Protein backbone atom coordinates (compact mmCIF):
# COMPACT_ATOMS: atom_id res chain seq x y z
CA MET A 1 26.08 18.62 -12.92
CA ARG A 2 23.22 17.93 -15.75
CA ILE A 3 20.38 15.53 -16.44
CA PRO A 4 20.62 14.02 -19.64
CA LEU A 5 18.13 14.28 -21.52
CA SER A 6 16.93 10.66 -21.95
CA GLN A 7 16.87 10.66 -18.16
CA LEU A 8 14.23 13.13 -18.03
CA GLU A 9 12.40 11.44 -21.05
CA THR A 10 12.45 8.11 -18.12
CA TRP A 11 11.48 10.56 -15.80
CA CYS A 12 8.19 11.53 -17.51
CA HIS A 13 6.20 8.44 -18.34
CA GLN A 14 5.20 6.32 -15.17
CA GLY A 15 6.29 3.14 -14.17
CA ALA A 16 3.93 -0.12 -14.70
CA ILE A 17 0.72 0.51 -13.68
CA LYS A 18 -1.33 -2.51 -15.00
CA SER A 19 1.80 -4.33 -12.62
CA SER A 20 1.17 -2.82 -9.34
CA SER A 21 -2.46 -3.40 -9.57
CA ALA A 22 -1.91 -7.01 -10.70
CA THR A 23 0.20 -6.88 -7.23
CA CYS A 24 -1.94 -5.60 -5.16
CA ALA A 25 -5.35 -7.91 -6.40
CA SER A 26 -2.76 -11.46 -5.90
CA ILE A 27 -1.94 -10.54 -2.48
CA LYS A 28 -5.45 -9.55 -1.47
CA HIS A 29 -6.69 -12.59 -2.68
CA ALA A 30 -4.18 -15.36 -1.21
CA LEU A 31 -4.88 -13.05 1.09
CA THR A 32 -8.82 -13.38 1.15
CA LYS A 33 -8.85 -16.58 0.23
CA SER A 34 -10.76 -19.06 2.48
CA THR A 35 -7.92 -21.29 3.24
CA CYS A 36 -5.57 -18.25 4.21
CA PRO A 37 -6.06 -17.42 8.72
CA LEU A 38 -6.86 -13.41 7.78
CA ALA A 39 -10.26 -14.91 5.53
CA ASN A 40 -13.25 -13.27 6.92
CA ARG A 41 -10.99 -10.55 9.37
CA GLY A 42 -11.61 -7.25 7.88
CA VAL A 43 -8.22 -7.40 6.25
CA ASP A 44 -7.60 -3.93 4.25
CA VAL A 45 -5.10 -4.57 1.01
CA PHE A 46 -4.61 -1.47 -0.97
CA LEU A 47 -2.08 0.19 -2.68
CA GLN A 48 0.45 3.20 -1.25
CA GLY A 49 2.35 6.00 -2.13
CA SER A 50 3.82 6.83 -5.30
CA TYR A 51 1.15 3.75 -7.38
CA PRO A 52 -2.41 5.20 -6.05
CA ASN A 53 -0.79 9.35 -5.89
CA SER A 54 0.46 8.68 -9.90
CA THR A 55 3.53 10.56 -9.43
CA ASN A 56 5.68 6.53 -9.74
CA ILE A 57 8.26 6.43 -11.76
CA TYR A 58 9.06 4.27 -14.94
CA GLY A 59 12.18 2.02 -13.84
CA ASP A 60 12.97 3.66 -10.54
CA SER A 61 9.66 3.00 -8.28
CA ASP A 62 8.91 -0.13 -6.08
CA VAL A 63 5.25 -0.99 -5.10
CA ASP A 64 3.84 -0.29 -1.49
CA VAL A 65 1.17 -3.26 -0.67
CA VAL A 66 -0.57 -2.30 2.85
CA VAL A 67 -2.24 -5.36 4.86
CA ARG A 68 -4.20 -3.40 8.04
CA TYR A 69 -5.98 -5.86 10.06
CA PRO A 70 -7.91 -2.81 12.42
CA ASN A 71 -8.68 -5.33 14.97
CA THR A 72 -5.76 -6.09 16.76
CA TRP A 73 -5.63 -2.80 19.22
CA TYR A 74 -8.23 -2.11 21.51
CA PRO A 75 -7.73 1.17 23.98
CA ASP A 76 -8.59 0.39 27.43
CA LEU A 77 -8.94 4.37 29.32
CA SER A 78 -10.34 2.98 32.39
CA LEU A 79 -7.43 4.25 34.19
CA LEU A 80 -7.02 7.48 32.83
CA THR A 81 -8.71 10.54 34.46
CA LEU A 82 -11.90 12.30 32.09
CA PRO A 83 -8.91 15.40 31.45
CA GLU A 84 -6.58 12.61 29.85
CA ARG A 85 -9.24 10.59 27.34
């Protein structure tokens, strides 16, 4: 099956770079403002996937925004033997 030239042209152009960055910034602002319960808790907000890697395709890409809270897991190694640690 042949891929139409128009489709190849579409795939050659990146998607909405500015709006993906604006979306990420908007989410980051909402989660870090003083009225948010997550404010001052060290939340990391960043783009992941095709947008930061510059592999997004015009008209066929979603925006992957990661909100990572690194302080939710605390290891308890007290029951492990030294080799298991």
